[in-house]
Protein backbone atom coordinates (compact mmCIF):
# COMPACT_ATOMS: atom_id res chain seq x y z
CA MET A 1 0.03 0.02 0.02
CA THR A 2 1.45 3.35 -1.02
CA THR A 3 1.44 6.46 1.10
CA THR A 4 0.67 9.80 -0.06
CA GLN A 5 3.77 12.08 -0.02
CA PRO A 6 3.20 15.67 0.96
CA LEU A 7 3.18 18.24 -1.79
CA PRO A 8 6.37 20.28 -2.29
CA LEU A 9 6.10 23.65 -0.72
CA SER A 10 6.15 26.75 -2.89
CA THR A 11 8.57 29.54 -1.93
CA PRO A 12 5.85 31.57 -0.08
CA SER A 13 4.83 28.58 1.75
CA ARG A 14 8.43 27.75 2.94
CA ASN A 15 8.80 31.32 3.97
CA LEU A 16 5.61 31.12 5.97
CA VAL A 17 6.94 28.00 7.67
CA ARG A 18 10.08 29.83 8.61
CA LEU A 19 8.06 32.93 9.89
CA THR A 20 5.93 30.60 12.03
CA ILE A 21 9.14 29.15 13.65
CA VAL A 22 10.58 32.59 14.22
CA ARG A 23 7.37 33.72 15.76
CA GLY A 24 7.23 30.85 18.12
CA ILE A 25 10.76 31.46 19.31
CA THR A 26 10.15 35.22 19.60
CA TRP A 27 7.02 35.08 21.61
CA THR A 28 8.36 32.43 23.90
CA GLY A 29 11.26 34.74 24.63
CA PHE A 30 8.81 37.57 25.24
CA LEU A 31 6.92 35.38 27.66
CA ILE A 32 10.01 34.55 29.66
CA GLY A 33 11.04 38.21 29.76
CA VAL A 34 7.61 39.27 31.05
CA ILE A 35 7.84 36.51 33.77
CA VAL A 36 11.32 37.58 34.69
CA GLY A 37 10.26 41.35 34.68
CA VAL A 38 7.35 40.84 36.95
CA GLU A 39 8.69 38.18 39.43
CA LEU A 40 12.31 39.17 39.81
CA LEU A 41 12.45 42.89 38.81
CA GLY A 42 9.06 44.00 40.14
CA PHE A 43 7.89 45.57 36.89
CA ALA A 44 4.45 47.21 37.30
CA LEU A 45 2.71 45.67 34.26
CA LYS A 46 -0.84 44.95 33.30
CA VAL A 47 -0.09 41.10 33.48
CA GLN A 48 -3.41 40.05 32.26
CA ALA A 49 -3.33 42.20 29.12
CA VAL A 50 0.25 41.22 28.33
CA ILE A 51 -0.47 37.45 28.84
CA GLY A 52 -3.51 37.93 26.64
CA VAL A 53 -1.34 39.31 23.85
CA VAL A 54 1.06 36.49 24.08
CA LEU A 55 -1.61 33.85 24.09
CA THR A 56 -3.27 35.38 21.16
CA MET A 57 -0.08 35.28 19.15
CA ALA A 58 0.24 31.62 20.27
CA LEU A 59 -3.15 30.85 18.89
CA ILE A 60 -2.25 32.62 15.67
CA ASN A 61 0.77 30.35 15.36
CA LEU A 62 -1.16 27.26 15.95
CA ALA A 63 -3.76 28.23 13.32
CA THR A 64 -0.81 28.95 10.87
CA TRP A 65 0.59 25.41 11.41
CA TRP A 66 -2.83 23.96 10.67
CA ARG A 67 -3.26 26.09 7.66
CA LEU A 68 0.19 24.86 6.32
CA GLY A 69 -1.09 21.26 6.52
CA ARG A 70 -3.90 22.01 4.12
CA HIS A 71 -1.50 21.90 1.01
CA ARG A 72 -2.93 25.05 -0.53
CA THR A 73 -0.53 27.63 -2.06
CA VAL A 74 0.36 30.55 0.13
CA SER A 75 -0.05 33.87 -1.85
CA HIS A 76 1.90 36.99 -1.15
CA GLY A 77 -1.12 38.73 0.07
CA GLU A 78 -1.66 36.00 2.74
CA TYR A 79 2.02 36.25 3.76
CA LEU A 80 1.67 39.98 4.09
CA ALA A 81 -1.36 39.51 6.43
CA HIS A 82 0.78 37.29 8.68
CA LEU A 83 3.52 39.94 8.90
CA LEU A 84 0.94 42.61 9.57
CA ALA A 85 -0.48 40.40 12.33
CA ASP A 86 3.15 40.30 13.82
CA VAL A 87 3.53 44.02 13.68
CA ALA A 88 0.08 44.30 15.45
CA GLY A 89 0.95 41.93 18.13
CA LEU A 90 4.30 43.67 18.78
CA THR A 91 2.56 46.99 18.91
CA LEU A 92 0.10 45.74 21.57
CA LEU A 93 2.84 44.17 23.63
CA PHE A 94 4.99 47.38 23.55
CA TYR A 95 1.85 49.42 24.42
CA PHE A 96 1.48 47.57 27.69
CA THR A 97 5.23 47.46 28.48
CA GLY A 98 6.40 51.07 28.16
CA GLY A 99 5.96 52.04 24.58
CA SER A 100 9.01 53.51 22.84
CA SER A 101 10.99 53.27 26.02
CA ASN A 102 10.96 49.44 25.85
CA PRO A 103 14.51 48.28 24.87
CA PHE A 104 13.07 45.70 22.54
CA ILE A 105 11.25 48.30 20.36
CA THR A 106 13.79 47.87 17.58
CA TYR A 107 12.49 44.36 17.06
CA TYR A 108 10.16 45.95 14.54
CA LEU A 109 13.13 45.69 12.16
CA VAL A 110 12.69 41.84 12.11
CA PRO A 111 9.32 41.73 10.25
CA VAL A 112 10.53 44.73 8.18
CA THR A 113 13.68 42.80 7.10
CA ILE A 114 11.67 39.50 6.46
CA ALA A 115 9.18 41.48 4.25
CA ALA A 116 12.04 43.23 2.30
CA ALA A 117 13.73 39.91 1.58
CA THR A 118 10.67 37.78 0.65
CA LEU A 119 7.83 40.00 -0.61
CA PRO A 120 7.38 42.20 -3.62
CA TRP A 121 8.47 45.81 -3.50
CA ARG A 122 4.91 47.28 -2.71
CA TYR A 123 4.22 44.80 0.07
CA ALA A 124 7.61 45.31 1.54
CA TRP A 125 6.99 49.01 1.92
CA ILE A 126 3.64 48.36 3.47
CA ILE A 127 5.25 46.59 6.28
CA ALA A 128 7.95 49.19 6.73
CA THR A 129 5.46 52.01 6.77
CA THR A 130 3.19 50.19 9.15
CA ALA A 131 5.99 49.45 11.59
CA LEU A 132 7.20 53.09 11.47
CA LEU A 133 3.68 54.40 12.19
CA ALA A 134 3.27 51.93 15.04
CA TYR A 135 6.62 53.04 16.51
CA SER A 136 5.49 56.67 16.21
CA LEU A 137 2.29 56.09 17.95
CA LEU A 138 4.00 54.31 20.81
CA MET A 139 6.13 57.46 21.46
CA VAL A 140 2.89 59.13 22.51
CA HIS A 141 0.32 56.58 23.46
CA TYR A 142 1.49 53.76 25.85
CA HIS A 143 1.08 52.30 29.28
CA PRO A 144 4.04 53.58 31.25
CA VAL A 145 6.32 51.20 33.15
CA PRO A 146 8.22 53.26 35.76
CA GLN A 147 11.22 51.05 35.70
CA LEU A 148 11.61 51.47 31.96
CA ALA A 149 10.55 55.16 31.74
CA HIS A 150 12.99 56.40 34.45
CA GLY A 151 15.57 58.66 32.75
CA HIS A 152 13.92 58.50 29.35
CA HIS A 153 11.52 61.49 29.67
CA ASP A 154 12.05 65.03 30.89
CA GLU A 155 9.69 67.94 31.55
CA GLN A 156 9.56 68.94 27.87
CA GLY A 157 8.17 65.56 26.76
CA VAL A 158 10.15 63.27 24.52
CA SER A 159 13.97 63.19 25.31
CA LEU A 160 16.70 63.37 22.77
CA HIS A 161 17.45 59.76 23.47
CA ILE A 162 13.95 58.58 22.47
CA LEU A 163 13.96 60.83 19.59
CA GLY A 164 17.36 59.57 18.43
CA MET A 165 16.01 55.90 18.77
CA TRP A 166 13.12 56.84 16.58
CA LEU A 167 15.36 58.37 13.89
CA ASN A 168 17.62 55.41 14.15
CA PHE A 169 14.60 53.14 13.53
CA ALA A 170 13.35 55.19 10.59
CA LEU A 171 16.76 55.26 8.93
CA SER A 172 17.41 51.44 9.56
CA ALA A 173 13.96 50.49 8.33
CA GLY A 174 14.47 52.49 5.05
CA LEU A 175 17.87 51.04 4.50
CA VAL A 176 16.97 47.49 5.28
CA THR A 177 13.87 47.57 3.11
CA TYR A 178 15.76 49.07 0.14
CA PHE A 179 18.97 47.00 0.25
CA ILE A 180 17.56 43.68 1.29
CA TYR A 181 14.89 43.98 -1.36
CA LYS A 182 17.48 44.68 -3.90
CA MET A 183 19.59 41.75 -2.89
CA ALA A 184 16.63 39.40 -2.96
CA HIS A 185 15.64 40.76 -6.24
CA ALA A 186 19.07 40.04 -7.60
CA LEU A 187 18.89 36.56 -6.35
CA ARG A 188 15.38 35.95 -8.00
CA SER A 189 16.70 37.45 -11.27
CA ARG A 190 19.68 35.05 -11.16
CA GLU A 191 17.42 32.17 -10.57
CA GLN A 192 15.21 33.11 -13.60
CA ALA A 193 18.42 33.52 -15.73
CA LEU A 194 19.56 30.09 -14.66
CA SER A 195 16.19 28.70 -15.52
CA ARG A 196 16.25 30.23 -18.95
CA THR A 197 19.78 28.76 -19.51
CA ARG A 198 18.59 25.32 -18.64
CA GLU A 199 15.64 25.61 -20.95
CA SER A 200 17.96 26.78 -23.60
CA ALA A 201 20.35 23.82 -22.99
CA LEU A 202 17.48 21.36 -23.22
CA ARG A 203 16.21 22.94 -26.38
CA ASN A 204 19.76 22.75 -27.92
CA GLU A 205 19.86 19.04 -27.03
CA GLN A 206 16.53 18.42 -28.85
CA VAL A 207 17.85 20.44 -31.77
CA LEU A 208 21.06 18.43 -31.92
CA ALA A 209 19.18 15.08 -31.73
CA VAL A 210 16.81 16.16 -34.60
CA ALA A 211 19.83 17.32 -36.62
CA THR A 212 21.54 14.00 -36.08
CA GLN A 213 18.55 12.10 -37.26
CA ALA A 214 18.18 14.47 -40.19
CA ALA A 215 21.79 13.93 -41.41
CA GLY A 216 21.31 10.13 -41.31
CA THR A 217 17.95 10.35 -43.07
CA ALA A 218 19.50 12.62 -45.77
CA HIS A 219 22.09 9.86 -46.57
CA GLU A 220 19.31 7.15 -46.55
CA LEU A 221 17.07 9.18 -48.93
CA GLY A 222 19.78 9.69 -51.57
CA THR A 223 19.38 6.15 -53.04
CA PRO A 224 15.54 6.20 -53.50
CA LEU A 225 15.60 9.81 -55.03
CA SER A 226 18.28 8.61 -57.50
CA THR A 227 16.09 5.53 -58.50
CA MET A 228 13.07 7.92 -58.87
CA ALA A 229 15.15 10.14 -61.16
CA VAL A 230 16.12 7.24 -63.35
CA LEU A 231 12.60 5.99 -63.64
CA LEU A 232 11.33 9.36 -64.47
CA ALA A 233 13.70 9.65 -67.22
CA GLU A 234 12.55 6.37 -68.67
CA MET A 235 8.92 7.39 -68.17
CA ARG A 236 9.60 10.60 -70.14
CA GLU A 237 10.98 8.75 -73.10
CA ASP A 238 8.00 6.29 -73.14
CA ALA A 239 5.58 9.21 -72.92
CA ARG A 240 7.20 11.58 -75.48
CA ASP A 241 3.93 11.27 -77.71
CA ASN A 242 1.88 12.53 -74.86
CA PRO A 243 2.70 16.33 -74.16
CA GLU A 244 0.45 16.63 -70.99
CA LEU A 245 1.85 13.52 -69.44
CA VAL A 246 5.52 14.73 -70.28
CA LYS A 247 4.71 18.07 -68.60
CA ASP A 248 3.69 16.20 -65.45
CA ILE A 249 6.80 14.01 -65.58
CA GLU A 250 8.98 17.08 -65.91
CA LEU A 251 7.40 18.60 -62.90
CA LEU A 252 7.98 15.35 -60.87
CA ARG A 253 11.59 15.32 -62.14
CA GLN A 254 12.01 19.04 -61.06
CA GLN A 255 10.75 18.13 -57.63
CA VAL A 256 13.04 15.17 -57.27
CA ASP A 257 16.06 17.36 -58.34
CA THR A 258 15.04 19.96 -55.83
CA CYS A 259 14.80 17.34 -53.08
CA LYS A 260 18.28 15.93 -54.12
CA SER A 261 19.79 19.46 -54.01
CA ARG A 262 18.42 20.21 -50.62
CA LEU A 263 19.65 16.99 -49.21
CA ARG A 264 23.18 17.52 -50.56
CA LEU A 265 23.05 20.98 -49.06
CA LEU A 266 21.87 19.53 -45.75
CA VAL A 267 24.75 17.02 -45.68
CA GLU A 268 27.27 19.68 -46.50
CA ASN A 269 26.02 22.04 -43.72
CA ALA A 270 26.14 19.13 -41.28
CA ASP A 271 29.84 19.79 -41.09
CA ARG A 272 29.90 22.98 -39.05
CA ARG A 273 33.36 23.84 -40.33
CA ARG A 274 31.77 24.46 -43.76
CA MET A 275 28.99 26.70 -42.44
CA GLY A 276 30.96 29.78 -42.00
CA GLU A 277 29.64 33.06 -40.54
CA PRO A 278 26.16 34.41 -41.38
CA GLN A 279 26.04 36.77 -44.29
CA VAL A 280 24.51 40.26 -44.25
CA ARG A 281 21.84 40.33 -47.09
CA ASP A 282 19.30 42.87 -48.36
CA ALA A 283 16.19 41.51 -46.76
CA GLU A 284 13.94 42.34 -49.75
CA MET A 285 16.22 40.48 -52.29
CA TRP A 286 16.82 37.58 -49.88
CA LEU A 287 13.06 37.21 -49.13
CA ALA A 288 12.20 37.31 -52.93
CA ALA A 289 14.86 34.59 -53.62
CA VAL A 290 13.48 32.30 -50.68
CA VAL A 291 9.93 32.66 -52.09
CA GLN A 292 10.97 31.79 -55.63
CA ARG A 293 12.75 28.57 -54.41
CA TRP A 294 9.72 27.81 -52.24
CA LEU A 295 7.33 28.18 -55.21
CA VAL A 296 9.27 25.44 -57.04
CA LEU A 297 8.22 22.99 -54.31
CA ARG A 298 4.78 24.48 -53.97
CA PRO A 299 3.51 25.29 -57.54
CA ASP A 300 -0.15 25.12 -56.25
CA VAL A 301 0.34 28.32 -54.24
CA SER A 302 -0.97 31.82 -55.09
CA HIS A 303 0.66 34.61 -53.18
CA ARG A 304 1.42 38.35 -53.04
CA LEU A 305 4.60 40.02 -51.72
CA GLU A 306 4.26 43.59 -50.26
CA VAL A 307 7.23 45.59 -49.31
CA ALA A 308 6.91 48.73 -47.23
CA GLU A 309 8.05 52.05 -48.78
CA ARG A 310 10.54 53.37 -46.39
CA ARG A 311 13.98 55.07 -46.43
CA GLY A 312 17.05 52.82 -46.51
CA ARG A 313 17.38 49.28 -47.15
CA PRO A 314 16.44 46.42 -44.70
CA TRP A 315 19.68 44.39 -44.15
CA ILE A 316 19.59 41.17 -42.04
CA SER A 317 22.12 38.38 -41.22
CA VAL A 318 21.12 35.18 -42.90
CA ASP A 319 22.36 31.55 -43.58
CA THR A 320 20.81 28.41 -44.94
CA THR A 321 19.23 27.51 -41.70
CA LEU A 322 17.29 30.78 -41.66
CA GLU A 323 16.08 30.15 -45.26
CA GLN A 324 14.83 26.77 -44.21
CA ALA A 325 13.03 28.15 -41.09
CA LEU A 326 11.24 30.74 -43.25
CA THR A 327 10.35 27.94 -45.74
CA ASN A 328 8.78 25.95 -42.94
CA LEU A 329 6.61 28.91 -42.08
CA LEU A 330 5.61 29.34 -45.63
CA ASP A 331 4.80 25.60 -45.96
CA ASN A 332 2.55 25.83 -42.83
CA ALA A 333 0.65 28.75 -44.52
CA ALA A 334 0.31 26.87 -47.76
CA ASP A 335 -0.94 23.64 -45.96
CA ALA A 336 -3.60 25.69 -44.13
CA ASN A 337 -4.88 27.29 -47.43
CA PRO A 338 -2.65 27.73 -50.60
CA ASP A 339 -4.76 30.54 -52.02
CA ASP A 340 -3.89 34.24 -51.73
CA ILE A 341 -0.98 33.98 -49.25
CA LEU A 342 -0.03 37.56 -48.29
CA LEU A 343 3.77 38.18 -47.45
CA SER A 344 4.66 41.58 -46.20
CA LEU A 345 8.13 43.12 -45.47
CA ASP A 346 8.59 46.03 -43.11
CA TRP A 347 11.35 47.40 -40.94
CA ASN A 348 12.30 50.17 -38.42
CA ALA A 349 15.61 51.28 -37.02
CA GLN A 350 16.14 48.14 -34.90
CA GLU A 351 14.07 45.29 -36.58
CA VAL A 352 13.04 43.73 -39.82
CA ILE A 353 9.49 42.28 -39.74
CA ILE A 354 8.22 39.59 -42.10
CA ASP A 355 4.51 38.84 -41.93
CA ILE A 356 2.91 35.70 -43.44
CA ARG A 357 -0.98 35.75 -43.68
CA ASP A 358 -2.99 32.77 -44.78
CA HIS A 359 -6.75 32.16 -44.96
CA GLY A 360 -6.84 28.79 -43.15
CA PRO A 361 -8.75 27.75 -40.05
CA GLY A 362 -6.38 29.59 -37.77
CA VAL A 363 -4.59 28.30 -34.53
CA ALA A 364 -6.32 26.64 -31.75
CA LEU A 365 -5.90 28.84 -28.55
CA SER A 366 -5.18 25.70 -26.53
CA ILE A 367 -1.86 25.15 -28.09
CA ALA A 368 -0.97 28.64 -29.30
CA ASP A 369 1.27 29.45 -26.32
CA GLN A 370 3.17 26.17 -26.76
CA LEU A 371 3.92 26.31 -30.43
CA GLY A 372 7.69 26.22 -30.96
CA GLU A 373 8.58 25.29 -27.39
CA THR A 374 8.16 21.51 -27.90
CA PHE A 375 6.98 19.19 -30.78
CA ILE A 376 3.50 20.31 -31.06
CA SER A 377 1.93 20.66 -34.55
CA THR A 378 -0.93 22.63 -35.99
CA LYS A 379 -1.65 19.81 -38.41
CA SER A 380 -3.53 16.75 -37.63
CA LYS A 381 -0.78 14.51 -39.06
CA GLY A 382 2.14 16.82 -38.27
CA LEU A 383 4.94 16.07 -35.81
CA GLY A 384 5.70 19.74 -34.75
CA ILE A 385 9.33 19.41 -35.55
CA GLY A 386 9.22 22.15 -38.32
CA LEU A 387 7.84 24.72 -35.92
CA PHE A 388 10.28 23.68 -33.16
CA LEU A 389 13.36 24.05 -35.39
CA THR A 390 12.01 27.17 -36.86
CA HIS A 391 11.66 28.87 -33.43
CA ALA A 392 15.12 27.58 -32.37
CA THR A 393 16.73 28.95 -35.56
CA ILE A 394 15.27 32.38 -35.49
CA ASN A 395 15.77 32.70 -31.66
CA ARG A 396 19.62 31.89 -32.39
CA PHE A 397 19.53 34.98 -34.76
CA GLY A 398 18.26 37.07 -31.92
CA GLY A 399 14.69 37.21 -33.36
CA GLY A 400 11.29 35.71 -32.52
CA VAL A 401 8.26 34.15 -34.08
CA SER A 402 4.60 34.92 -33.13
CA LEU A 403 1.41 33.36 -34.41
CA TYR A 404 -1.89 35.16 -34.16
CA ASN A 405 -5.37 34.37 -35.24
CA HIS A 406 -6.26 37.21 -37.68
CA PRO A 407 -9.49 39.12 -36.97
CA GLU A 408 -10.79 38.37 -40.48
CA GLY A 409 -9.91 34.76 -40.29
CA GLY A 410 -6.76 32.66 -40.86
CA THR A 411 -3.33 32.89 -39.18
CA LEU A 412 -0.82 35.76 -39.04
CA THR A 413 2.74 34.61 -38.54
CA GLU A 414 5.16 37.45 -37.55
CA VAL A 415 8.83 36.98 -37.80
CA VAL A 416 11.01 39.67 -36.21
CA LEU A 417 14.68 39.73 -36.91
CA PRO A 418 17.40 42.28 -35.73
CA ARG A 419 18.33 44.79 -38.43
CA GLY A 420 21.94 44.30 -39.66
CA THR A 421 24.54 46.54 -41.00
CA PRO A 422 26.04 45.95 -44.38
CA ALA A 423 29.71 45.30 -44.75
CA SER A 424 31.66 48.23 -45.83
């Protein structure tokens, strides 16, 4: 019989566990201090009120332990409420034990520091402001304890010592809130950067695995394509008296030659030493050439190419992998609907934008956010490898791919690439 393991705690949940432990230790210490002060030092305290505050905080701690056993996610708002409860408990305790003259008054810095290290910026300042206001009120409103008040007040009211303690707290609260938050924010940013690096490494491993399989497949497909070329040549000879059939055979032969050419190029580029550095090309001329080569493979497509009328020329860095990535996107548009595919080229000072608009059924919202992140396809029989490799390639060039459902129907694919500078 298997036992159910507890769910892993999120970061706010773990912080709440730590806060509960700190709260238990702190209020146990306060209780011991009250007992020592009353029994040994003869402090004139409202014992019942003080013990009531301590017991209330103990009940809050017990309720917190019970809540942590419910396996529900702790939100930042809930964590903020617990810290506000701590500030309220401290305020009541200090009210009955001398107010700002209580030497433990600077314990307010503890919840302020915890909030700065664990909560968002806005919540951290809420705790700091609340603690500062509570400290300020305790300078005026409190139950005096003669043993603590002796020497701390004069005839004019608040002494310089008390005022200095208040200024020290205000400065400390501000500095702790600012610097601890910045340190915690830096740590969170570092964790996010490490997470992105791990995701990038996993994606590169997937790309490498696909590339290895592609290179092997390219070698294996060479023989059947050569056989098809020979058979098509013989079929052309046999059908020379039928012009329509010869035309179809020529089209098939052209397709086979294109496949052989692309496979040969794939095998050559598999050796990274032959790839060289990306070339800076005129985006308009490069896009027109890519579309023309694509039309050889997709003669059933009708399309329009629109280029924005802007000053200057749109230069981009390209290589064969970027050409294949764009071809994959064009194939997806043609598979959705080969009629009236609209391609548009635009640019600004930093980016070159290529839009591909088809009139197909669009992209399902359930998978729109996952396209390109893993092997998910927009086609019923697709494997999703094309989109995955397309995203990986364009990301490698510092660009991005976005797919949208067009308001008038179909899919709008937007490719954004950084604008390059032509070699002088």
